[in-house]
Amino acid sequence: MKDLGVRSLLSFLEIVARQPPLRRDVHCRAMTDLCYAGRIGYDDMIRYETFEADLRRVMARLNLVDFDIPKPAWRNKTDAGSHMRDLLGPGNAT
């Protein structure tokens, strides 16, 4: 990565931001770019951030009210937002 000029997380994000969205590595693309929403008709989408509420909405449509909703595992949660200043430096974290 250093050959691309990557010296920090901020410089990496700046490089990614300059790339056309559909030419980015799959890990750096917006999820909407990976869902082919223009080609595949979805009835609904469930977001990880709102998993329980979204799943309840879908379950209500399917009349599955007595279904136990699994909770995302604690190991899948991060507190990355609280580390933004450490990652990006002062003045860059909003």
PDB file of N, CA and C in Angstrom:
ATOM      1  N   MET A   1       0.807  -1.188   0.000  1.00  0.00           N
ATOM      2  CA  MET A   1       0.000   0.000   0.000  1.00  0.00           C
ATOM      3  C   MET A   1       0.862   1.269   0.000  1.00  0.00           C
ATOM      4  N   LYS A   2       2.045   1.182   0.577  1.00  0.00           N
ATOM      5  CA  LYS A   2       2.885   2.379   0.627  1.00  0.00           C
ATOM      6  C   LYS A   2       3.272   2.848  -0.767  1.00  0.00           C
ATOM      7  N   ASP A   3       3.335   1.909  -1.742  1.00  0.00           N
ATOM      8  CA  ASP A   3       3.658   2.316  -3.106  1.00  0.00           C
ATOM      9  C   ASP A   3       2.534   3.151  -3.724  1.00  0.00           C
ATOM     10  N   LEU A   4       1.336   3.100  -3.136  1.00  0.00           N
ATOM     11  CA  LEU A   4       0.213   3.914  -3.592  1.00  0.00           C
ATOM     12  C   LEU A   4       0.138   5.247  -2.853  1.00  0.00           C
ATOM     13  N   GLY A   5       1.060   5.463  -1.937  1.00  0.00           N
ATOM     14  CA  GLY A   5       1.052   6.696  -1.163  1.00  0.00           C
ATOM     15  C   GLY A   5       0.251   6.602   0.117  1.00  0.00           C
ATOM     16  N   VAL A   6      -0.063   5.382   0.545  1.00  0.00           N
ATOM     17  CA  VAL A   6      -0.853   5.214   1.764  1.00  0.00           C
ATOM     18  C   VAL A   6       0.073   5.288   2.964  1.00  0.00           C
ATOM     19  N   ARG A   7      -0.124   6.322   3.755  1.00  0.00           N
ATOM     20  CA  ARG A   7       0.688   6.513   4.957  1.00  0.00           C
ATOM     21  C   ARG A   7      -0.162   6.454   6.220  1.00  0.00           C
ATOM     22  N   SER A   8      -1.487   6.571   6.041  1.00  0.00           N
ATOM     23  CA  SER A   8      -2.389   6.579   7.183  1.00  0.00           C
ATOM     24  C   SER A   8      -3.770   6.143   6.708  1.00  0.00           C
ATOM     25  N   LEU A   9      -4.660   5.948   7.644  1.00  0.00           N
ATOM     26  CA  LEU A   9      -6.033   5.617   7.283  1.00  0.00           C
ATOM     27  C   LEU A   9      -6.650   6.745   6.468  1.00  0.00           C
ATOM     28  N   LEU A  10      -6.371   7.981   6.849  1.00  0.00           N
ATOM     29  CA  LEU A  10      -6.922   9.119   6.119  1.00  0.00           C
ATOM     30  C   LEU A  10      -6.434   9.134   4.674  1.00  0.00           C
ATOM     31  N   SER A  11      -5.139   8.886   4.447  1.00  0.00           N
ATOM     32  CA  SER A  11      -4.649   8.880   3.066  1.00  0.00           C
ATOM     33  C   SER A  11      -5.251   7.725   2.282  1.00  0.00           C
ATOM     34  N   PHE A  12      -5.477   6.590   2.931  1.00  0.00           N
ATOM     35  CA  PHE A  12      -6.150   5.462   2.272  1.00  0.00           C
ATOM     36  C   PHE A  12      -7.565   5.857   1.855  1.00  0.00           C
ATOM     37  N   LEU A  13      -8.314   6.478   2.762  1.00  0.00           N
ATOM     38  CA  LEU A  13      -9.678   6.896   2.457  1.00  0.00           C
ATOM     39  C   LEU A  13      -9.714   7.927   1.334  1.00  0.00           C
ATOM     40  N   GLU A  14      -8.732   8.804   1.297  1.00  0.00           N
ATOM     41  CA  GLU A  14      -8.664   9.801   0.220  1.00  0.00           C
ATOM     42  C   GLU A  14      -8.414   9.132  -1.126  1.00  0.00           C
ATOM     43  N   ILE A  15      -7.553   8.123  -1.152  1.00  0.00           N
ATOM     44  CA  ILE A  15      -7.292   7.381  -2.391  1.00  0.00           C
ATOM     45  C   ILE A  15      -8.556   6.663  -2.847  1.00  0.00           C
ATOM     46  N   VAL A  16      -9.234   6.007  -1.924  1.00  0.00           N
ATOM     47  CA  VAL A  16     -10.474   5.300  -2.269  1.00  0.00           C
ATOM     48  C   VAL A  16     -11.514   6.284  -2.783  1.00  0.00           C
ATOM     49  N   ALA A  17     -11.646   7.441  -2.146  1.00  0.00           N
ATOM     50  CA  ALA A  17     -12.647   8.430  -2.540  1.00  0.00           C
ATOM     51  C   ALA A  17     -12.406   8.955  -3.959  1.00  0.00           C
ATOM     52  N   ARG A  18     -11.160   8.963  -4.412  1.00  0.00           N
ATOM     53  CA  ARG A  18     -10.849   9.441  -5.768  1.00  0.00           C
ATOM     54  C   ARG A  18     -11.169   8.402  -6.843  1.00  0.00           C
ATOM     55  N   GLN A  19     -11.368   7.149  -6.455  1.00  0.00           N
ATOM     56  CA  GLN A  19     -11.650   6.095  -7.424  1.00  0.00           C
ATOM     57  C   GLN A  19     -13.128   6.109  -7.811  1.00  0.00           C
ATOM     58  N   PRO A  20     -13.436   5.799  -9.084  1.00  0.00           N
ATOM     59  CA  PRO A  20     -14.850   5.675  -9.456  1.00  0.00           C
ATOM     60  C   PRO A  20     -15.494   4.573  -8.608  1.00  0.00           C
ATOM     61  N   PRO A  21     -16.692   4.800  -8.083  1.00  0.00           N
ATOM     62  CA  PRO A  21     -17.313   3.843  -7.163  1.00  0.00           C
ATOM     63  C   PRO A  21     -17.341   2.394  -7.657  1.00  0.00           C
ATOM     64  N   LEU A  22     -17.636   2.164  -8.904  1.00  0.00           N
ATOM     65  CA  LEU A  22     -17.745   0.788  -9.393  1.00  0.00           C
ATOM     66  C   LEU A  22     -16.396   0.181  -9.773  1.00  0.00           C
ATOM     67  N   ARG A  23     -15.319   0.960  -9.677  1.00  0.00           N
ATOM     68  CA  ARG A  23     -13.978   0.444  -9.945  1.00  0.00           C
ATOM     69  C   ARG A  23     -13.220   0.144  -8.652  1.00  0.00           C
ATOM     70  N   ARG A  24     -13.824   0.476  -7.523  1.00  0.00           N
ATOM     71  CA  ARG A  24     -13.189   0.234  -6.228  1.00  0.00           C
ATOM     72  C   ARG A  24     -13.160  -1.254  -5.916  1.00  0.00           C
ATOM     73  N   ASP A  25     -12.236  -1.625  -5.061  1.00  0.00           N
ATOM     74  CA  ASP A  25     -12.232  -2.976  -4.522  1.00  0.00           C
ATOM     75  C   ASP A  25     -13.585  -3.232  -3.879  1.00  0.00           C
ATOM     76  N   VAL A  26     -14.067  -4.450  -3.992  1.00  0.00           N
ATOM     77  CA  VAL A  26     -15.400  -4.784  -3.480  1.00  0.00           C
ATOM     78  C   VAL A  26     -15.561  -4.425  -2.006  1.00  0.00           C
ATOM     79  N   HIS A  27     -14.498  -4.458  -1.235  1.00  0.00           N
ATOM     80  CA  HIS A  27     -14.571  -4.142   0.191  1.00  0.00           C
ATOM     81  C   HIS A  27     -14.756  -2.654   0.453  1.00  0.00           C
ATOM     82  N   CYS A  28     -14.524  -1.827  -0.555  1.00  0.00           N
ATOM     83  CA  CYS A  28     -14.637  -0.376  -0.393  1.00  0.00           C
ATOM     84  C   CYS A  28     -15.870   0.186  -1.085  1.00  0.00           C
ATOM     85  N   ARG A  29     -16.688  -0.665  -1.652  1.00  0.00           N
ATOM     86  CA  ARG A  29     -17.884  -0.197  -2.353  1.00  0.00           C
ATOM     87  C   ARG A  29     -19.053  -0.046  -1.394  1.00  0.00           C
ATOM     88  N   ALA A  30     -19.967   0.827  -1.775  1.00  0.00           N
ATOM     89  CA  ALA A  30     -21.211   0.952  -1.019  1.00  0.00           C
ATOM     90  C   ALA A  30     -22.028  -0.320  -1.245  1.00  0.00           C
ATOM     91  N   MET A  31     -22.715  -0.759  -0.225  1.00  0.00           N
ATOM     92  CA  MET A  31     -23.527  -1.973  -0.354  1.00  0.00           C
ATOM     93  C   MET A  31     -24.555  -1.850  -1.470  1.00  0.00           C
ATOM     94  N   THR A  32     -25.062  -0.647  -1.689  1.00  0.00           N
ATOM     95  CA  THR A  32     -26.051  -0.466  -2.752  1.00  0.00           C
ATOM     96  C   THR A  32     -25.457  -0.781  -4.122  1.00  0.00           C
ATOM     97  N   ASP A  33     -24.156  -0.612  -4.279  1.00  0.00           N
ATOM     98  CA  ASP A  33     -23.508  -0.955  -5.542  1.00  0.00           C
ATOM     99  C   ASP A  33     -23.397  -2.466  -5.731  1.00  0.00           C
ATOM    100  N   LEU A  34     -23.489  -3.216  -4.646  1.00  0.00           N
ATOM    101  CA  LEU A  34     -23.327  -4.668  -4.718  1.00  0.00           C
ATOM    102  C   LEU A  34     -24.658  -5.409  -4.788  1.00  0.00           C
ATOM    103  N   CYS A  35     -25.758  -4.695  -4.628  1.00  0.00           N
ATOM    104  CA  CYS A  35     -27.077  -5.336  -4.586  1.00  0.00           C
ATOM    105  C   CYS A  35     -27.778  -5.388  -5.938  1.00  0.00           C
ATOM    106  N   TYR A  36     -27.245  -4.703  -6.931  1.00  0.00           N
ATOM    107  CA  TYR A  36     -27.854  -4.677  -8.267  1.00  0.00           C
ATOM    108  C   TYR A  36     -29.327  -4.299  -8.187  1.00  0.00           C
ATOM    109  N   ALA A  37     -29.612  -3.242  -7.437  1.00  0.00           N
ATOM    110  CA  ALA A  37     -30.998  -2.830  -7.203  1.00  0.00           C
ATOM    111  C   ALA A  37     -31.730  -2.513  -8.506  1.00  0.00           C
ATOM    112  N   GLY A  38     -31.030  -2.083  -9.524  1.00  0.00           N
ATOM    113  CA  GLY A  38     -31.681  -1.791 -10.798  1.00  0.00           C
ATOM    114  C   GLY A  38     -32.029  -3.042 -11.585  1.00  0.00           C
ATOM    115  N   ARG A  39     -31.416  -4.161 -11.253  1.00  0.00           N
ATOM    116  CA  ARG A  39     -31.642  -5.413 -11.988  1.00  0.00           C
ATOM    117  C   ARG A  39     -32.429  -6.446 -11.202  1.00  0.00           C
ATOM    118  N   ILE A  40     -32.360  -6.367  -9.891  1.00  0.00           N
ATOM    119  CA  ILE A  40     -33.047  -7.331  -9.037  1.00  0.00           C
ATOM    120  C   ILE A  40     -34.093  -6.583  -8.230  1.00  0.00           C
ATOM    121  N   GLY A  41     -35.320  -7.077  -8.261  1.00  0.00           N
ATOM    122  CA  GLY A  41     -36.373  -6.445  -7.483  1.00  0.00           C
ATOM    123  C   GLY A  41     -36.412  -7.000  -6.071  1.00  0.00           C
ATOM    124  N   TYR A  42     -36.181  -6.156  -5.104  1.00  0.00           N
ATOM    125  CA  TYR A  42     -36.217  -6.561  -3.700  1.00  0.00           C
ATOM    126  C   TYR A  42     -37.528  -6.106  -3.078  1.00  0.00           C
ATOM    127  N   ASP A  43     -38.086  -6.929  -2.226  1.00  0.00           N
ATOM    128  CA  ASP A  43     -39.257  -6.530  -1.460  1.00  0.00           C
ATOM    129  C   ASP A  43     -38.840  -5.707  -0.250  1.00  0.00           C
ATOM    130  N   ASP A  44     -37.660  -5.981   0.263  1.00  0.00           N
ATOM    131  CA  ASP A  44     -37.181  -5.291   1.456  1.00  0.00           C
ATOM    132  C   ASP A  44     -35.687  -5.541   1.591  1.00  0.00           C
ATOM    133  N   MET A  45     -35.040  -4.716   2.379  1.00  0.00           N
ATOM    134  CA  MET A  45     -33.629  -4.927   2.717  1.00  0.00           C
ATOM    135  C   MET A  45     -33.482  -4.752   4.216  1.00  0.00           C
ATOM    136  N   ILE A  46     -32.656  -5.573   4.786  1.00  0.00           N
ATOM    137  CA  ILE A  46     -32.407  -5.521   6.223  1.00  0.00           C
ATOM    138  C   ILE A  46     -30.985  -5.008   6.427  1.00  0.00           C
ATOM    139  N   ARG A  47     -30.871  -3.959   7.205  1.00  0.00           N
ATOM    140  CA  ARG A  47     -29.564  -3.380   7.509  1.00  0.00           C
ATOM    141  C   ARG A  47     -29.053  -3.946   8.826  1.00  0.00           C
ATOM    142  N   TYR A  48     -27.764  -4.128   8.913  1.00  0.00           N
ATOM    143  CA  TYR A  48     -27.169  -4.622  10.154  1.00  0.00           C
ATOM    144  C   TYR A  48     -27.418  -3.631  11.286  1.00  0.00           C
ATOM    145  N   GLU A  49     -27.328  -2.336  10.968  1.00  0.00           N
ATOM    146  CA  GLU A  49     -27.477  -1.309  11.992  1.00  0.00           C
ATOM    147  C   GLU A  49     -28.882  -1.282  12.586  1.00  0.00           C
ATOM    148  N   THR A  50     -29.879  -1.705  11.823  1.00  0.00           N
ATOM    149  CA  THR A  50     -31.272  -1.708  12.289  1.00  0.00           C
ATOM    150  C   THR A  50     -31.862  -3.110  12.149  1.00  0.00           C
ATOM    151  N   PHE A  51     -31.040  -4.100  12.379  1.00  0.00           N
ATOM    152  CA  PHE A  51     -31.382  -5.499  12.135  1.00  0.00           C
ATOM    153  C   PHE A  51     -32.700  -5.920  12.781  1.00  0.00           C
ATOM    154  N   GLU A  52     -32.828  -5.692  14.072  1.00  0.00           N
ATOM    155  CA  GLU A  52     -34.011  -6.192  14.780  1.00  0.00           C
ATOM    156  C   GLU A  52     -35.294  -5.534  14.276  1.00  0.00           C
ATOM    157  N   ALA A  53     -35.294  -4.217  14.149  1.00  0.00           N
ATOM    158  CA  ALA A  53     -36.498  -3.520  13.671  1.00  0.00           C
ATOM    159  C   ALA A  53     -36.841  -3.925  12.238  1.00  0.00           C
ATOM    160  N   ASP A  54     -35.826  -4.035  11.387  1.00  0.00           N
ATOM    161  CA  ASP A  54     -36.069  -4.435   9.992  1.00  0.00           C
ATOM    162  C   ASP A  54     -36.608  -5.855   9.908  1.00  0.00           C
ATOM    163  N   LEU A  55     -36.016  -6.749  10.693  1.00  0.00           N
ATOM    164  CA  LEU A  55     -36.467  -8.140  10.668  1.00  0.00           C
ATOM    165  C   LEU A  55     -37.893  -8.264  11.207  1.00  0.00           C
ATOM    166  N   ARG A  56     -38.208  -7.493  12.235  1.00  0.00           N
ATOM    167  CA  ARG A  56     -39.586  -7.509  12.761  1.00  0.00           C
ATOM    168  C   ARG A  56     -40.582  -7.047  11.692  1.00  0.00           C
ATOM    169  N   ARG A  57     -40.218  -6.037  10.932  1.00  0.00           N
ATOM    170  CA  ARG A  57     -41.085  -5.536   9.865  1.00  0.00           C
ATOM    171  C   ARG A  57     -41.339  -6.633   8.810  1.00  0.00           C
ATOM    172  N   VAL A  58     -40.297  -7.318   8.401  1.00  0.00           N
ATOM    173  CA  VAL A  58     -40.432  -8.392   7.412  1.00  0.00           C
ATOM    174  C   VAL A  58     -41.251  -9.545   7.990  1.00  0.00           C
ATOM    175  N   MET A  59     -40.976  -9.882   9.238  1.00  0.00           N
ATOM    176  CA  MET A  59     -41.702 -10.981   9.878  1.00  0.00           C
ATOM    177  C   MET A  59     -43.190 -10.654   9.996  1.00  0.00           C
ATOM    178  N   ALA A  60     -43.526  -9.407  10.284  1.00  0.00           N
ATOM    179  CA  ALA A  60     -44.932  -9.011  10.378  1.00  0.00           C
ATOM    180  C   ALA A  60     -45.616  -9.196   9.027  1.00  0.00           C
ATOM    181  N   ARG A  61     -44.928  -8.859   7.950  1.00  0.00           N
ATOM    182  CA  ARG A  61     -45.488  -9.075   6.604  1.00  0.00           C
ATOM    183  C   ARG A  61     -45.751 -10.544   6.332  1.00  0.00           C
ATOM    184  N   LEU A  62     -44.921 -11.398   6.895  1.00  0.00           N
ATOM    185  CA  LEU A  62     -45.050 -12.847   6.682  1.00  0.00           C
ATOM    186  C   LEU A  62     -45.896 -13.525   7.762  1.00  0.00           C
ATOM    187  N   ASN A  63     -46.484 -12.723   8.649  1.00  0.00           N
ATOM    188  CA  ASN A  63     -47.283 -13.241   9.769  1.00  0.00           C
ATOM    189  C   ASN A  63     -46.482 -14.194  10.652  1.00  0.00           C
ATOM    190  N   LEU A  64     -45.245 -13.863  10.892  1.00  0.00           N
ATOM    191  CA  LEU A  64     -44.377 -14.652  11.777  1.00  0.00           C
ATOM    192  C   LEU A  64     -44.118 -13.863  13.055  1.00  0.00           C
ATOM    193  N   VAL A  65     -45.150 -13.675  13.847  1.00  0.00           N
ATOM    194  CA  VAL A  65     -45.011 -12.841  15.044  1.00  0.00           C
ATOM    195  C   VAL A  65     -44.411 -13.592  16.231  1.00  0.00           C
ATOM    196  N   ASP A  66     -44.495 -14.901  16.249  1.00  0.00           N
ATOM    197  CA  ASP A  66     -43.983 -15.687  17.376  1.00  0.00           C
ATOM    198  C   ASP A  66     -42.626 -16.302  17.063  1.00  0.00           C
ATOM    199  N   PHE A  67     -41.770 -15.524  16.462  1.00  0.00           N
ATOM    200  CA  PHE A  67     -40.460 -16.019  16.058  1.00  0.00           C
ATOM    201  C   PHE A  67     -39.404 -15.309  16.882  1.00  0.00           C
ATOM    202  N   ASP A  68     -38.461 -16.065  17.415  1.00  0.00           N
ATOM    203  CA  ASP A  68     -37.381 -15.486  18.211  1.00  0.00           C
ATOM    204  C   ASP A  68     -36.367 -14.816  17.282  1.00  0.00           C
ATOM    205  N   ILE A  69     -36.109 -13.549  17.494  1.00  0.00           N
ATOM    206  CA  ILE A  69     -35.150 -12.830  16.668  1.00  0.00           C
ATOM    207  C   ILE A  69     -33.761 -12.977  17.270  1.00  0.00           C
ATOM    208  N   PRO A  70     -32.829 -13.500  16.481  1.00  0.00           N
ATOM    209  CA  PRO A  70     -31.464 -13.625  17.009  1.00  0.00           C
ATOM    210  C   PRO A  70     -30.821 -12.254  17.164  1.00  0.00           C
ATOM    211  N   LYS A  71     -30.037 -12.104  18.192  1.00  0.00           N
ATOM    212  CA  LYS A  71     -29.311 -10.856  18.424  1.00  0.00           C
ATOM    213  C   LYS A  71     -27.934 -10.988  17.767  1.00  0.00           C
ATOM    214  N   PRO A  72     -27.459  -9.920  17.123  1.00  0.00           N
ATOM    215  CA  PRO A  72     -26.103  -9.976  16.584  1.00  0.00           C
ATOM    216  C   PRO A  72     -25.109 -10.256  17.701  1.00  0.00           C
ATOM    217  N   ALA A  73     -24.133 -11.075  17.412  1.00  0.00           N
ATOM    218  CA  ALA A  73     -23.141 -11.453  18.418  1.00  0.00           C
ATOM    219  C   ALA A  73     -22.303 -10.247  18.818  1.00  0.00           C
ATOM    220  N   TRP A  74     -21.945 -10.167  20.076  1.00  0.00           N
ATOM    221  CA  TRP A  74     -21.148  -9.050  20.575  1.00  0.00           C
ATOM    222  C   TRP A  74     -19.838  -8.933  19.820  1.00  0.00           C
ATOM    223  N   ARG A  75     -19.302 -10.046  19.355  1.00  0.00           N
ATOM    224  CA  ARG A  75     -18.011  -9.997  18.673  1.00  0.00           C
ATOM    225  C   ARG A  75     -18.110  -9.314  17.309  1.00  0.00           C
ATOM    226  N   ASN A  76     -19.334  -9.138  16.799  1.00  0.00           N
ATOM    227  CA  ASN A  76     -19.520  -8.451  15.529  1.00  0.00           C
ATOM    228  C   ASN A  76     -19.700  -6.953  15.703  1.00  0.00           C
ATOM    229  N   LYS A  77     -19.830  -6.509  16.936  1.00  0.00           N
ATOM    230  CA  LYS A  77     -19.993  -5.080  17.204  1.00  0.00           C
ATOM    231  C   LYS A  77     -18.628  -4.473  17.497  1.00  0.00           C
ATOM    232  N   THR A  78     -18.456  -3.255  17.039  1.00  0.00           N
ATOM    233  CA  THR A  78     -17.210  -2.545  17.330  1.00  0.00           C
ATOM    234  C   THR A  78     -17.545  -1.184  17.913  1.00  0.00           C
ATOM    235  N   ASP A  79     -16.549  -0.565  18.448  1.00  0.00           N
ATOM    236  CA  ASP A  79     -16.712   0.808  18.891  1.00  0.00           C
ATOM    237  C   ASP A  79     -15.807   1.695  18.047  1.00  0.00           C
ATOM    238  N   ALA A  80     -15.720   1.360  16.748  1.00  0.00           N
ATOM    239  CA  ALA A  80     -14.830   2.085  15.844  1.00  0.00           C
ATOM    240  C   ALA A  80     -15.129   3.579  15.821  1.00  0.00           C
ATOM    241  N   GLY A  81     -16.405   3.934  15.941  1.00  0.00           N
ATOM    242  CA  GLY A  81     -16.755   5.349  15.928  1.00  0.00           C
ATOM    243  C   GLY A  81     -16.066   6.133  17.021  1.00  0.00           C
ATOM    244  N   SER A  82     -15.869   5.504  18.159  1.00  0.00           N
ATOM    245  CA  SER A  82     -15.221   6.204  19.267  1.00  0.00           C
ATOM    246  C   SER A  82     -13.720   6.371  19.037  1.00  0.00           C
ATOM    247  N   HIS A  83     -13.185   5.674  18.060  1.00  0.00           N
ATOM    248  CA  HIS A  83     -11.756   5.755  17.780  1.00  0.00           C
ATOM    249  C   HIS A  83     -11.435   6.602  16.544  1.00  0.00           C
ATOM    250  N   MET A  84     -12.421   7.303  15.994  1.00  0.00           N
ATOM    251  CA  MET A  84     -12.204   8.063  14.773  1.00  0.00           C
ATOM    252  C   MET A  84     -11.092   9.091  14.915  1.00  0.00           C
ATOM    253  N   ARG A  85     -11.039   9.777  16.036  1.00  0.00           N
ATOM    254  CA  ARG A  85     -10.001  10.790  16.226  1.00  0.00           C
ATOM    255  C   ARG A  85      -8.620  10.144  16.226  1.00  0.00           C
ATOM    256  N   ASP A  86      -8.503   8.966  16.834  1.00  0.00           N
ATOM    257  CA  ASP A  86      -7.224   8.261  16.839  1.00  0.00           C
ATOM    258  C   ASP A  86      -6.835   7.824  15.432  1.00  0.00           C
ATOM    259  N   LEU A  87      -7.833   7.398  14.649  1.00  0.00           N
ATOM    260  CA  LEU A  87      -7.565   6.894  13.308  1.00  0.00           C
ATOM    261  C   LEU A  87      -7.285   8.010  12.304  1.00  0.00           C
ATOM    262  N   LEU A  88      -8.028   9.103  12.392  1.00  0.00           N
ATOM    263  CA  LEU A  88      -7.931  10.157  11.391  1.00  0.00           C
ATOM    264  C   LEU A  88      -7.147  11.368  11.835  1.00  0.00           C
ATOM    265  N   GLY A  89      -6.967  11.499  13.126  1.00  0.00           N
ATOM    266  CA  GLY A  89      -6.261  12.659  13.642  1.00  0.00           C
ATOM    267  C   GLY A  89      -7.214  13.774  14.017  1.00  0.00           C
ATOM    268  N   PRO A  90      -6.781  14.674  14.887  1.00  0.00           N
ATOM    269  CA  PRO A  90      -7.665  15.763  15.316  1.00  0.00           C
ATOM    270  C   PRO A  90      -8.008  16.659  14.123  1.00  0.00           C
ATOM    271  N   GLY A  91      -9.224  17.152  14.126  1.00  0.00           N
ATOM    272  CA  GLY A  91      -9.652  18.041  13.048  1.00  0.00           C
ATOM    273  C   GLY A  91     -10.249  17.297  11.867  1.00  0.00           C
ATOM    274  N   ASN A  92     -10.022  15.993  11.760  1.00  0.00           N
ATOM    275  CA  ASN A  92     -10.558  15.220  10.648  1.00  0.00           C
ATOM    276  C   ASN A  92     -11.723  14.340  11.057  1.00  0.00           C
ATOM    277  N   ALA A  93     -11.887  14.118  12.329  1.00  0.00           N
ATOM    278  CA  ALA A  93     -12.979  13.261  12.802  1.00  0.00           C
ATOM    279  C   ALA A  93     -14.185  14.136  13.099  1.00  0.00           C
ATOM    280  N   THR A  94     -15.312  13.773  12.530  1.00  0.00           N
ATOM    281  CA  THR A  94     -16.523  14.552  12.795  1.00  0.00           C
ATOM    282  C   THR A  94     -17.568  13.691  13.421  1.00  0.00           C
TER     283      THR A  94
END
